[in-house]
N, C-alpha and C. Protein backbone atom coordinates (compact mmCIF):
# COMPACT_ATOMS: atom_id res chain seq x y z
N UNK A 1 -32.81 16.88 28.92
CA UNK A 1 -33.26 17.53 27.68
C UNK A 1 -33.19 16.53 26.53
N UNK A 2 -34.23 16.45 25.71
CA UNK A 2 -34.23 15.49 24.59
C UNK A 2 -33.16 15.80 23.55
N UNK A 3 -32.79 14.77 22.80
CA UNK A 3 -31.71 14.92 21.82
C UNK A 3 -32.06 15.94 20.74
N UNK A 4 -33.33 15.97 20.34
CA UNK A 4 -33.70 16.90 19.28
C UNK A 4 -33.53 18.35 19.73
N UNK A 5 -33.79 18.61 21.02
CA UNK A 5 -33.63 19.96 21.54
C UNK A 5 -32.15 20.34 21.61
N UNK A 6 -31.31 19.38 21.99
CA UNK A 6 -29.86 19.61 22.02
C UNK A 6 -29.36 19.92 20.62
N UNK A 7 -29.85 19.17 19.62
CA UNK A 7 -29.43 19.38 18.24
C UNK A 7 -29.82 20.78 17.76
N UNK A 8 -31.02 21.22 18.12
CA UNK A 8 -31.47 22.56 17.72
C UNK A 8 -30.60 23.63 18.38
N UNK A 9 -30.31 23.44 19.67
CA UNK A 9 -29.48 24.42 20.39
C UNK A 9 -28.06 24.45 19.84
N UNK A 10 -27.52 23.29 19.47
CA UNK A 10 -26.17 23.28 18.90
C UNK A 10 -26.14 24.01 17.55
N UNK A 11 -27.20 23.83 16.77
CA UNK A 11 -27.29 24.58 15.51
C UNK A 11 -27.33 26.07 15.77
N UNK A 12 -28.08 26.46 16.80
CA UNK A 12 -28.16 27.88 17.16
C UNK A 12 -26.80 28.42 17.60
N UNK A 13 -26.05 27.60 18.34
CA UNK A 13 -24.71 28.01 18.78
C UNK A 13 -23.79 28.20 17.57
N UNK A 14 -23.84 27.26 16.64
CA UNK A 14 -23.03 27.38 15.42
C UNK A 14 -23.36 28.69 14.69
N UNK A 15 -24.63 28.96 14.53
CA UNK A 15 -25.05 30.18 13.82
C UNK A 15 -24.61 31.43 14.57
N UNK A 16 -24.78 31.42 15.89
CA UNK A 16 -24.41 32.59 16.70
C UNK A 16 -22.92 32.86 16.64
N UNK A 17 -22.12 31.81 16.50
CA UNK A 17 -20.66 31.99 16.46
C UNK A 17 -20.15 32.31 15.07
N UNK A 18 -20.86 31.85 14.04
CA UNK A 18 -20.38 32.05 12.68
C UNK A 18 -20.93 33.32 12.02
N UNK A 19 -22.11 33.77 12.44
CA UNK A 19 -22.68 34.97 11.83
C UNK A 19 -21.79 36.20 11.99
N UNK A 20 -21.15 36.42 13.16
CA UNK A 20 -20.23 37.57 13.25
C UNK A 20 -19.10 37.50 12.24
N UNK A 21 -18.58 36.29 11.98
CA UNK A 21 -17.52 36.15 10.98
C UNK A 21 -18.05 36.49 9.60
N UNK A 22 -19.28 36.04 9.32
CA UNK A 22 -19.90 36.38 8.04
C UNK A 22 -20.06 37.89 7.91
N UNK A 23 -20.40 38.54 9.02
CA UNK A 23 -20.54 40.01 9.01
C UNK A 23 -19.19 40.67 8.68
N UNK A 24 -18.11 40.14 9.26
CA UNK A 24 -16.78 40.68 8.97
C UNK A 24 -16.42 40.52 7.49
N UNK A 25 -16.67 39.33 6.97
CA UNK A 25 -16.35 39.07 5.56
C UNK A 25 -17.17 39.98 4.65
N UNK A 26 -18.45 40.13 4.96
CA UNK A 26 -19.32 40.99 4.16
C UNK A 26 -18.87 42.46 4.28
N UNK A 27 -18.50 42.86 5.48
CA UNK A 27 -18.03 44.23 5.67
C UNK A 27 -16.74 44.51 4.92
N UNK A 28 -15.84 43.51 4.89
CA UNK A 28 -14.59 43.67 4.13
C UNK A 28 -14.89 43.75 2.64
N UNK A 29 -15.84 42.95 2.18
CA UNK A 29 -16.21 42.95 0.76
C UNK A 29 -16.84 44.28 0.36
N UNK A 30 -17.70 44.82 1.24
CA UNK A 30 -18.41 46.06 0.94
C UNK A 30 -17.64 47.30 1.39
N UNK A 31 -16.49 47.08 2.04
CA UNK A 31 -15.66 48.18 2.55
C UNK A 31 -16.43 49.06 3.53
N UNK A 32 -17.08 48.41 4.50
CA UNK A 32 -17.87 49.14 5.50
C UNK A 32 -17.35 48.91 6.92
N UNK A 33 -16.07 48.57 7.05
CA UNK A 33 -15.49 48.29 8.37
C UNK A 33 -14.83 49.51 8.99
N UNK A 34 -15.13 50.69 8.48
CA UNK A 34 -14.61 51.90 9.08
C UNK A 34 -13.32 52.37 8.43
N UNK A 35 -12.78 53.47 8.95
CA UNK A 35 -11.55 54.04 8.36
C UNK A 35 -10.32 53.17 8.53
N UNK A 36 -10.33 52.27 9.54
CA UNK A 36 -9.19 51.37 9.79
C UNK A 36 -9.72 49.94 9.89
N UNK A 37 -9.97 49.28 8.75
CA UNK A 37 -10.56 47.93 8.77
C UNK A 37 -9.71 46.92 9.55
N UNK A 38 -8.39 47.04 9.46
CA UNK A 38 -7.52 46.11 10.18
C UNK A 38 -7.73 46.19 11.68
N UNK A 39 -7.84 47.41 12.19
CA UNK A 39 -8.11 47.60 13.62
C UNK A 39 -9.48 47.03 13.98
N UNK A 40 -10.47 47.24 13.12
CA UNK A 40 -11.81 46.73 13.37
C UNK A 40 -11.81 45.21 13.49
N UNK A 41 -11.14 44.55 12.54
CA UNK A 41 -11.08 43.09 12.56
C UNK A 41 -10.31 42.60 13.78
N UNK A 42 -9.21 43.26 14.11
CA UNK A 42 -8.40 42.87 15.26
C UNK A 42 -9.19 42.97 16.55
N UNK A 43 -9.84 44.10 16.75
CA UNK A 43 -10.62 44.31 17.97
C UNK A 43 -11.79 43.34 18.03
N UNK A 44 -12.48 43.15 16.91
CA UNK A 44 -13.67 42.31 16.87
C UNK A 44 -13.33 40.86 17.20
N UNK A 45 -12.28 40.33 16.60
CA UNK A 45 -11.92 38.93 16.84
C UNK A 45 -11.33 38.73 18.23
N UNK A 46 -10.57 39.71 18.72
CA UNK A 46 -10.00 39.59 20.05
C UNK A 46 -11.06 39.62 21.13
N UNK A 47 -11.98 40.57 21.02
CA UNK A 47 -13.05 40.65 22.01
C UNK A 47 -13.99 39.45 21.90
N UNK A 48 -14.20 38.98 20.67
CA UNK A 48 -15.01 37.78 20.48
C UNK A 48 -14.40 36.57 21.17
N UNK A 49 -13.08 36.46 21.10
CA UNK A 49 -12.38 35.36 21.78
C UNK A 49 -12.64 35.40 23.28
N UNK A 50 -12.51 36.58 23.87
CA UNK A 50 -12.70 36.69 25.32
C UNK A 50 -14.15 36.44 25.72
N UNK A 51 -15.08 36.89 24.90
CA UNK A 51 -16.50 36.63 25.21
C UNK A 51 -16.80 35.14 25.19
N UNK A 52 -16.30 34.44 24.19
CA UNK A 52 -16.54 33.01 24.10
C UNK A 52 -15.82 32.25 25.21
N UNK A 53 -14.63 32.72 25.59
CA UNK A 53 -13.95 32.12 26.74
C UNK A 53 -14.76 32.31 28.02
N UNK A 54 -15.36 33.49 28.16
CA UNK A 54 -16.18 33.76 29.34
C UNK A 54 -17.37 32.81 29.39
N UNK A 55 -18.01 32.58 28.25
CA UNK A 55 -19.14 31.65 28.21
C UNK A 55 -18.68 30.24 28.54
N UNK A 56 -17.53 29.84 27.98
CA UNK A 56 -16.99 28.51 28.26
C UNK A 56 -16.72 28.33 29.75
N UNK A 57 -16.11 29.33 30.37
CA UNK A 57 -15.78 29.25 31.80
C UNK A 57 -17.02 29.29 32.67
N UNK A 58 -18.08 29.93 32.19
CA UNK A 58 -19.29 30.07 32.99
C UNK A 58 -20.13 28.80 33.03
N UNK A 59 -19.94 27.91 32.07
CA UNK A 59 -20.81 26.74 31.97
C UNK A 59 -20.69 25.85 33.20
N UNK A 60 -19.48 25.56 33.65
CA UNK A 60 -19.31 24.67 34.81
C UNK A 60 -19.92 25.23 36.09
N UNK A 61 -19.65 26.51 36.46
CA UNK A 61 -20.29 27.05 37.67
C UNK A 61 -21.81 27.04 37.59
N UNK A 62 -22.37 27.39 36.44
CA UNK A 62 -23.83 27.40 36.29
C UNK A 62 -24.38 25.99 36.44
N UNK A 63 -23.70 25.04 35.83
CA UNK A 63 -24.15 23.64 35.91
C UNK A 63 -24.10 23.13 37.34
N UNK A 64 -23.08 23.54 38.10
CA UNK A 64 -22.97 23.10 39.49
C UNK A 64 -24.03 23.74 40.37
N UNK A 65 -24.41 24.97 40.04
CA UNK A 65 -25.45 25.64 40.82
C UNK A 65 -26.83 25.02 40.57
N UNK A 66 -27.07 24.62 39.32
CA UNK A 66 -28.37 24.07 38.96
C UNK A 66 -28.19 22.73 38.24
N UNK A 67 -27.68 21.71 38.93
CA UNK A 67 -27.34 20.45 38.26
C UNK A 67 -28.54 19.73 37.64
N UNK A 68 -29.71 19.85 38.25
CA UNK A 68 -30.87 19.15 37.73
C UNK A 68 -31.48 19.85 36.51
N UNK A 69 -31.51 21.17 36.57
CA UNK A 69 -32.14 21.93 35.49
C UNK A 69 -31.21 22.22 34.32
N UNK A 70 -29.93 22.49 34.62
CA UNK A 70 -29.01 22.94 33.58
C UNK A 70 -27.80 22.02 33.41
N UNK A 71 -27.92 20.78 33.84
CA UNK A 71 -26.82 19.85 33.69
C UNK A 71 -26.44 19.61 32.23
N UNK A 72 -27.41 19.78 31.33
CA UNK A 72 -27.16 19.56 29.90
C UNK A 72 -26.21 20.59 29.30
N UNK A 73 -25.96 21.69 30.00
CA UNK A 73 -25.06 22.71 29.46
C UNK A 73 -23.65 22.19 29.20
N UNK A 74 -23.25 21.13 29.92
CA UNK A 74 -21.90 20.60 29.77
C UNK A 74 -21.65 20.14 28.34
N UNK A 75 -22.71 19.79 27.62
CA UNK A 75 -22.56 19.32 26.24
C UNK A 75 -22.12 20.44 25.29
N UNK A 76 -22.22 21.68 25.76
CA UNK A 76 -21.88 22.81 24.90
C UNK A 76 -20.52 23.42 25.24
N UNK A 77 -19.91 22.97 26.33
CA UNK A 77 -18.66 23.61 26.76
C UNK A 77 -17.55 23.41 25.73
N UNK A 78 -17.40 22.19 25.24
CA UNK A 78 -16.35 21.92 24.26
C UNK A 78 -16.59 22.68 22.95
N UNK A 79 -17.86 22.73 22.52
CA UNK A 79 -18.20 23.42 21.28
C UNK A 79 -17.87 24.91 21.36
N UNK A 80 -18.29 25.55 22.45
CA UNK A 80 -18.02 26.98 22.60
C UNK A 80 -16.53 27.23 22.77
N UNK A 81 -15.85 26.32 23.49
CA UNK A 81 -14.41 26.46 23.66
C UNK A 81 -13.66 26.39 22.34
N UNK A 82 -14.09 25.51 21.46
CA UNK A 82 -13.44 25.41 20.15
C UNK A 82 -13.68 26.67 19.32
N UNK A 83 -14.86 27.25 19.45
CA UNK A 83 -15.12 28.51 18.75
C UNK A 83 -14.27 29.64 19.33
N UNK A 84 -14.03 29.60 20.64
CA UNK A 84 -13.13 30.59 21.24
C UNK A 84 -11.74 30.48 20.62
N UNK A 85 -11.26 29.24 20.44
CA UNK A 85 -9.95 29.05 19.81
C UNK A 85 -9.99 29.48 18.35
N UNK A 86 -11.09 29.24 17.67
CA UNK A 86 -11.24 29.67 16.28
C UNK A 86 -11.12 31.18 16.16
N UNK A 87 -11.78 31.90 17.06
CA UNK A 87 -11.68 33.37 17.05
C UNK A 87 -10.27 33.82 17.43
N UNK A 88 -9.63 33.09 18.35
CA UNK A 88 -8.24 33.42 18.71
C UNK A 88 -7.32 33.24 17.51
N UNK A 89 -7.58 32.20 16.70
CA UNK A 89 -6.78 31.99 15.49
C UNK A 89 -7.01 33.12 14.48
N UNK A 90 -8.25 33.56 14.34
CA UNK A 90 -8.54 34.69 13.45
C UNK A 90 -7.83 35.95 13.94
N UNK A 91 -7.83 36.13 15.25
CA UNK A 91 -7.18 37.29 15.85
C UNK A 91 -5.67 37.26 15.57
N UNK A 92 -5.06 36.08 15.76
CA UNK A 92 -3.64 35.93 15.48
C UNK A 92 -3.34 36.11 13.99
N UNK A 93 -4.21 35.55 13.15
CA UNK A 93 -4.02 35.68 11.71
C UNK A 93 -4.08 37.14 11.27
N UNK A 94 -4.93 37.92 11.94
CA UNK A 94 -5.00 39.34 11.62
C UNK A 94 -3.65 40.02 11.81
N UNK A 95 -2.98 39.67 12.91
CA UNK A 95 -1.66 40.24 13.17
C UNK A 95 -0.62 39.72 12.18
N UNK A 96 -0.60 38.38 12.01
CA UNK A 96 0.41 37.76 11.14
C UNK A 96 0.27 38.23 9.69
N UNK A 97 -0.96 38.36 9.24
CA UNK A 97 -1.20 38.69 7.83
C UNK A 97 -1.27 40.20 7.59
N UNK A 98 -2.21 40.86 8.30
CA UNK A 98 -2.51 42.25 7.99
C UNK A 98 -1.51 43.24 8.59
N UNK A 99 -0.95 42.90 9.74
CA UNK A 99 0.03 43.80 10.37
C UNK A 99 1.46 43.46 9.97
N UNK A 100 1.80 42.16 10.08
CA UNK A 100 3.20 41.75 9.85
C UNK A 100 3.48 41.30 8.43
N UNK A 101 2.43 41.05 7.65
CA UNK A 101 2.62 40.61 6.27
C UNK A 101 3.40 39.31 6.15
N UNK A 102 3.23 38.42 7.14
CA UNK A 102 3.91 37.11 7.18
C UNK A 102 5.44 37.25 7.24
N UNK A 103 5.91 38.40 7.69
CA UNK A 103 7.34 38.64 7.83
C UNK A 103 7.81 38.13 9.20
N UNK A 104 8.51 36.99 9.19
CA UNK A 104 8.90 36.35 10.45
C UNK A 104 9.86 37.23 11.24
N UNK A 105 10.82 37.84 10.58
CA UNK A 105 11.79 38.69 11.27
C UNK A 105 11.08 39.87 11.94
N UNK A 106 10.12 40.45 11.25
CA UNK A 106 9.36 41.57 11.83
C UNK A 106 8.59 41.12 13.07
N UNK A 107 7.98 39.94 12.97
CA UNK A 107 7.19 39.44 14.10
C UNK A 107 8.07 39.15 15.31
N UNK A 108 9.21 38.53 15.09
CA UNK A 108 10.12 38.21 16.20
C UNK A 108 10.58 39.49 16.89
N UNK A 109 10.95 40.50 16.08
CA UNK A 109 11.38 41.78 16.65
C UNK A 109 10.24 42.47 17.37
N UNK A 110 9.03 42.38 16.80
CA UNK A 110 7.87 43.04 17.38
C UNK A 110 7.48 42.41 18.71
N UNK A 111 7.54 41.08 18.76
CA UNK A 111 7.19 40.37 20.00
C UNK A 111 8.15 40.75 21.12
N UNK A 112 9.43 40.90 20.79
CA UNK A 112 10.42 41.24 21.82
C UNK A 112 10.26 42.68 22.30
N UNK A 113 9.66 43.54 21.49
CA UNK A 113 9.52 44.95 21.86
C UNK A 113 8.19 45.26 22.54
N UNK A 114 7.15 44.54 22.16
CA UNK A 114 5.81 44.90 22.65
C UNK A 114 5.25 43.76 23.49
N UNK A 115 5.15 44.02 24.79
CA UNK A 115 4.78 42.96 25.72
C UNK A 115 3.33 42.52 25.55
N UNK A 116 2.45 43.37 25.01
CA UNK A 116 1.06 42.95 24.87
C UNK A 116 0.94 41.85 23.81
N UNK A 117 1.84 41.85 22.82
CA UNK A 117 1.85 40.80 21.81
C UNK A 117 2.32 39.49 22.46
N UNK A 118 3.31 39.59 23.34
CA UNK A 118 3.79 38.40 24.06
C UNK A 118 2.67 37.78 24.87
N UNK A 119 1.89 38.62 25.56
CA UNK A 119 0.76 38.11 26.37
C UNK A 119 -0.28 37.45 25.48
N UNK A 120 -0.58 38.06 24.34
CA UNK A 120 -1.57 37.48 23.43
C UNK A 120 -1.11 36.16 22.85
N UNK A 121 0.16 36.09 22.47
CA UNK A 121 0.71 34.84 21.93
C UNK A 121 0.72 33.75 23.00
N UNK A 122 0.99 34.14 24.24
CA UNK A 122 0.95 33.18 25.35
C UNK A 122 -0.44 32.59 25.51
N UNK A 123 -1.46 33.45 25.44
CA UNK A 123 -2.84 32.99 25.55
C UNK A 123 -3.17 31.99 24.44
N UNK A 124 -2.74 32.30 23.21
CA UNK A 124 -3.02 31.41 22.08
C UNK A 124 -2.31 30.07 22.26
N UNK A 125 -1.05 30.10 22.69
CA UNK A 125 -0.29 28.87 22.88
C UNK A 125 -0.89 28.01 23.99
N UNK A 126 -1.49 28.64 24.99
CA UNK A 126 -2.15 27.88 26.05
C UNK A 126 -3.44 27.24 25.56
N UNK A 127 -4.13 27.90 24.64
CA UNK A 127 -5.37 27.34 24.10
C UNK A 127 -5.11 26.23 23.09
N UNK A 128 -3.95 26.26 22.45
CA UNK A 128 -3.65 25.29 21.39
C UNK A 128 -3.75 23.84 21.86
N UNK A 129 -3.07 23.44 22.95
CA UNK A 129 -3.19 22.03 23.37
C UNK A 129 -4.60 21.67 23.82
N UNK A 130 -5.35 22.64 24.29
CA UNK A 130 -6.73 22.36 24.71
C UNK A 130 -7.60 22.06 23.50
N UNK A 131 -7.39 22.79 22.41
CA UNK A 131 -8.14 22.54 21.18
C UNK A 131 -7.74 21.19 20.59
N UNK A 132 -6.44 20.89 20.60
CA UNK A 132 -5.95 19.63 20.02
C UNK A 132 -6.51 18.43 20.78
N UNK A 133 -6.60 18.54 22.11
CA UNK A 133 -7.04 17.40 22.94
C UNK A 133 -8.51 17.46 23.29
N UNK A 134 -9.30 18.15 22.49
CA UNK A 134 -10.72 18.33 22.81
C UNK A 134 -11.60 17.15 22.41
N UNK A 135 -11.04 16.17 21.72
CA UNK A 135 -11.84 15.05 21.24
C UNK A 135 -12.01 13.97 22.31
N UNK A 136 -13.02 13.13 22.12
CA UNK A 136 -13.26 12.03 23.06
C UNK A 136 -12.08 11.06 23.07
N UNK A 137 -11.42 10.90 21.91
CA UNK A 137 -10.26 10.00 21.83
C UNK A 137 -9.17 10.44 22.79
N UNK A 138 -8.89 11.74 22.84
CA UNK A 138 -7.86 12.26 23.72
C UNK A 138 -8.25 12.09 25.19
N UNK A 139 -9.53 12.24 25.50
CA UNK A 139 -9.98 12.05 26.89
C UNK A 139 -9.72 10.62 27.32
N UNK A 140 -10.02 9.67 26.44
CA UNK A 140 -9.77 8.25 26.76
C UNK A 140 -8.28 7.98 26.85
N UNK A 141 -7.50 8.54 25.96
CA UNK A 141 -6.06 8.28 25.93
C UNK A 141 -5.36 8.85 27.17
N UNK A 142 -5.74 10.07 27.55
CA UNK A 142 -5.07 10.73 28.68
C UNK A 142 -5.64 10.30 30.01
N UNK A 143 -6.90 9.91 30.01
CA UNK A 143 -7.57 9.64 31.28
C UNK A 143 -8.24 10.92 31.77
N UNK A 144 -9.37 10.75 32.42
CA UNK A 144 -10.16 11.90 32.82
C UNK A 144 -9.43 12.90 33.71
N UNK A 145 -8.66 12.39 34.68
CA UNK A 145 -8.00 13.28 35.63
C UNK A 145 -6.92 14.12 34.96
N UNK A 146 -6.06 13.46 34.17
CA UNK A 146 -5.00 14.21 33.48
C UNK A 146 -5.58 15.18 32.46
N UNK A 147 -6.64 14.76 31.78
CA UNK A 147 -7.28 15.63 30.80
C UNK A 147 -7.85 16.87 31.48
N UNK A 148 -8.50 16.67 32.62
CA UNK A 148 -9.07 17.80 33.35
C UNK A 148 -7.99 18.74 33.86
N UNK A 149 -6.87 18.18 34.33
CA UNK A 149 -5.77 19.02 34.80
C UNK A 149 -5.21 19.86 33.66
N UNK A 150 -5.04 19.26 32.49
CA UNK A 150 -4.54 20.00 31.34
C UNK A 150 -5.49 21.13 30.96
N UNK A 151 -6.78 20.85 31.00
CA UNK A 151 -7.75 21.84 30.55
C UNK A 151 -8.01 22.94 31.59
N UNK A 152 -7.38 22.83 32.73
CA UNK A 152 -7.39 23.95 33.67
C UNK A 152 -6.59 25.13 33.11
N UNK A 153 -5.79 24.88 32.08
CA UNK A 153 -5.03 25.96 31.44
C UNK A 153 -5.94 27.02 30.83
N UNK A 154 -7.20 26.68 30.62
CA UNK A 154 -8.11 27.66 30.04
C UNK A 154 -8.23 28.89 30.94
N UNK A 155 -8.10 28.69 32.25
CA UNK A 155 -8.18 29.82 33.17
C UNK A 155 -6.95 30.73 33.01
N UNK A 156 -5.80 30.11 32.86
CA UNK A 156 -4.58 30.89 32.65
C UNK A 156 -4.64 31.62 31.32
N UNK A 157 -5.17 30.93 30.29
CA UNK A 157 -5.29 31.54 28.97
C UNK A 157 -6.22 32.75 29.01
N UNK A 158 -7.31 32.64 29.76
CA UNK A 158 -8.25 33.77 29.87
C UNK A 158 -7.59 34.97 30.53
N UNK A 159 -6.81 34.71 31.59
CA UNK A 159 -6.10 35.80 32.28
C UNK A 159 -5.07 36.43 31.35
N UNK A 160 -4.32 35.59 30.62
CA UNK A 160 -3.34 36.11 29.66
C UNK A 160 -4.02 36.94 28.58
N UNK A 161 -5.21 36.50 28.16
CA UNK A 161 -5.96 37.26 27.16
C UNK A 161 -6.38 38.62 27.68
N UNK A 162 -6.79 38.68 28.94
CA UNK A 162 -7.17 39.96 29.54
C UNK A 162 -5.95 40.89 29.65
N UNK A 163 -4.81 40.32 30.05
CA UNK A 163 -3.59 41.12 30.14
C UNK A 163 -3.23 41.67 28.76
N UNK A 164 -3.35 40.83 27.75
CA UNK A 164 -3.10 41.24 26.36
C UNK A 164 -4.01 42.41 25.98
N UNK A 165 -5.25 42.34 26.38
CA UNK A 165 -6.22 43.39 26.06
C UNK A 165 -5.86 44.70 26.75
N UNK A 166 -5.57 44.63 28.05
CA UNK A 166 -5.25 45.84 28.81
C UNK A 166 -3.95 46.48 28.33
N UNK A 167 -2.96 45.66 28.06
CA UNK A 167 -1.68 46.20 27.59
C UNK A 167 -1.77 46.74 26.15
N UNK A 168 -2.78 46.29 25.42
CA UNK A 168 -2.89 46.70 24.02
C UNK A 168 -3.63 48.00 23.81
N UNK A 169 -4.36 48.47 24.84
CA UNK A 169 -5.07 49.74 24.70
C UNK A 169 -4.25 50.88 25.29
N UNK A 170 -4.62 52.08 24.93
CA UNK A 170 -3.89 53.25 25.42
C UNK A 170 -4.20 53.48 26.90
N UNK A 171 -3.26 54.08 27.65
CA UNK A 171 -3.52 54.41 29.06
C UNK A 171 -4.76 55.29 29.20
N UNK A 172 -5.59 54.96 30.16
CA UNK A 172 -6.82 55.73 30.37
C UNK A 172 -8.02 55.19 29.64
N UNK A 173 -7.82 54.20 28.77
CA UNK A 173 -8.94 53.57 28.06
C UNK A 173 -9.45 52.41 28.91
N UNK A 174 -10.74 52.45 29.25
CA UNK A 174 -11.32 51.46 30.16
C UNK A 174 -12.21 50.44 29.46
N UNK A 175 -12.07 50.34 28.17
CA UNK A 175 -12.94 49.44 27.42
C UNK A 175 -12.81 47.98 27.84
N UNK A 176 -11.62 47.52 28.25
CA UNK A 176 -11.52 46.12 28.67
C UNK A 176 -12.16 45.82 30.02
N UNK A 177 -12.65 46.85 30.72
CA UNK A 177 -13.12 46.65 32.09
C UNK A 177 -14.31 45.70 32.18
N UNK A 178 -15.28 45.83 31.26
CA UNK A 178 -16.48 45.01 31.39
C UNK A 178 -16.19 43.52 31.26
N UNK A 179 -15.41 43.14 30.26
CA UNK A 179 -15.11 41.72 30.09
C UNK A 179 -14.18 41.23 31.20
N UNK A 180 -13.35 42.13 31.74
CA UNK A 180 -12.49 41.76 32.87
C UNK A 180 -13.32 41.44 34.10
N UNK A 181 -14.33 42.26 34.37
CA UNK A 181 -15.20 42.02 35.52
C UNK A 181 -16.00 40.73 35.35
N UNK A 182 -16.44 40.47 34.12
CA UNK A 182 -17.21 39.25 33.87
C UNK A 182 -16.36 38.01 34.10
N UNK A 183 -15.17 37.98 33.48
CA UNK A 183 -14.31 36.81 33.64
C UNK A 183 -13.80 36.71 35.08
N UNK A 184 -13.48 37.85 35.69
CA UNK A 184 -13.06 37.84 37.09
C UNK A 184 -14.14 37.27 38.00
N UNK A 185 -15.39 37.64 37.75
CA UNK A 185 -16.50 37.12 38.54
C UNK A 185 -16.66 35.62 38.36
N UNK A 186 -16.49 35.15 37.12
CA UNK A 186 -16.60 33.71 36.85
C UNK A 186 -15.49 32.94 37.56
N UNK A 187 -14.26 33.47 37.50
CA UNK A 187 -13.14 32.81 38.17
C UNK A 187 -13.35 32.77 39.68
N UNK A 188 -13.89 33.83 40.24
CA UNK A 188 -14.15 33.87 41.68
C UNK A 188 -15.29 32.94 42.07
N UNK A 189 -16.24 32.76 41.16
CA UNK A 189 -17.42 31.94 41.47
C UNK A 189 -17.03 30.48 41.67
N UNK A 190 -16.03 30.01 40.97
CA UNK A 190 -15.67 28.59 41.05
C UNK A 190 -15.31 28.15 42.47
N UNK A 191 -14.35 28.80 43.16
CA UNK A 191 -14.05 28.37 44.54
C UNK A 191 -15.20 28.63 45.51
N UNK A 192 -15.95 29.71 45.27
CA UNK A 192 -17.08 30.01 46.17
C UNK A 192 -18.15 28.93 46.08
N UNK A 193 -18.43 28.46 44.87
CA UNK A 193 -19.42 27.40 44.69
C UNK A 193 -18.92 26.11 45.31
N UNK A 194 -17.61 25.84 45.18
CA UNK A 194 -17.04 24.62 45.77
C UNK A 194 -17.20 24.63 47.29
N UNK A 195 -16.94 25.78 47.92
CA UNK A 195 -17.10 25.89 49.37
C UNK A 195 -18.56 25.71 49.76
N UNK A 196 -19.45 26.36 49.00
CA UNK A 196 -20.88 26.26 49.29
C UNK A 196 -21.37 24.83 49.16
N UNK A 197 -20.90 24.11 48.14
CA UNK A 197 -21.31 22.72 47.93
C UNK A 197 -20.84 21.83 49.08
N UNK A 198 -19.62 22.10 49.58
CA UNK A 198 -19.12 21.30 50.71
C UNK A 198 -19.95 21.53 51.96
N UNK A 199 -20.37 22.77 52.16
CA UNK A 199 -21.20 23.07 53.34
C UNK A 199 -22.59 22.47 53.22
N UNK A 200 -23.10 22.39 51.98
CA UNK A 200 -24.44 21.85 51.76
C UNK A 200 -24.46 20.33 51.76
N UNK A 201 -23.30 19.71 51.61
CA UNK A 201 -23.25 18.25 51.55
C UNK A 201 -23.69 17.65 52.88
N UNK A 202 -24.48 16.58 52.86
CA UNK A 202 -24.93 15.96 54.10
C UNK A 202 -23.77 15.32 54.87
N UNK A 203 -23.83 15.41 56.18
CA UNK A 203 -22.80 14.84 57.05
C UNK A 203 -23.13 13.39 57.32
N UNK A 204 -22.18 12.51 57.02
CA UNK A 204 -22.36 11.08 57.23
C UNK A 204 -21.78 10.72 58.60
N UNK A 205 -22.61 10.19 59.46
CA UNK A 205 -22.19 9.79 60.80
C UNK A 205 -22.04 8.29 60.85
N UNK A 206 -20.85 7.81 61.17
CA UNK A 206 -20.60 6.38 61.29
C UNK A 206 -20.98 5.91 62.70
N UNK A 207 -21.72 4.82 62.74
CA UNK A 207 -22.15 4.27 64.01
C UNK A 207 -21.42 2.94 64.23
N UNK A 208 -20.87 2.84 65.41
CA UNK A 208 -20.20 1.59 65.74
C UNK A 208 -18.82 1.53 65.13
N UNK A 209 -18.29 0.33 65.07
CA UNK A 209 -16.99 0.09 64.49
C UNK A 209 -15.90 0.50 65.41
């Protein structure tokens, strides 16, 4: 894909990720976020985080399935991943600011009492080193293999995020099911594609020696 097309697509990704935040800010300004604006912002940013994580996780399997046609997708994985962390930070800020009022003692007590907050904080802490080491400088410093091993934490972070979502809703509420199935399918696709690729690989027969 030509560079100009990549640039246009990256601009589109930026707009697609930032417009929802603009909608939230506008809704807060106009007071149109419903009877419980804090809940609206919390749900919106949390679900946005999981959606962006799902897109980030889906890029590698799709690229492996169609390496010639969609190999260029790899250029967007880091960008979408950073936006996932950005939404995770907004989600955390919603709790720290709007729920806890920056009260450290309240937050410590709350985390010890409510396990869904512990799961959510775990997901954020797992994403933090991935965001910090997302630059080309860190890839060179760590080396490709170590960098890739570290960034496998994104799978654990996604699972922790799903656990946070399920534990945070009331019993009998199935709203997290759709994103759980999507991320679960993506996680399952990775080993299945690896097996399929090994079977499709040509067999090299050594003659002589």
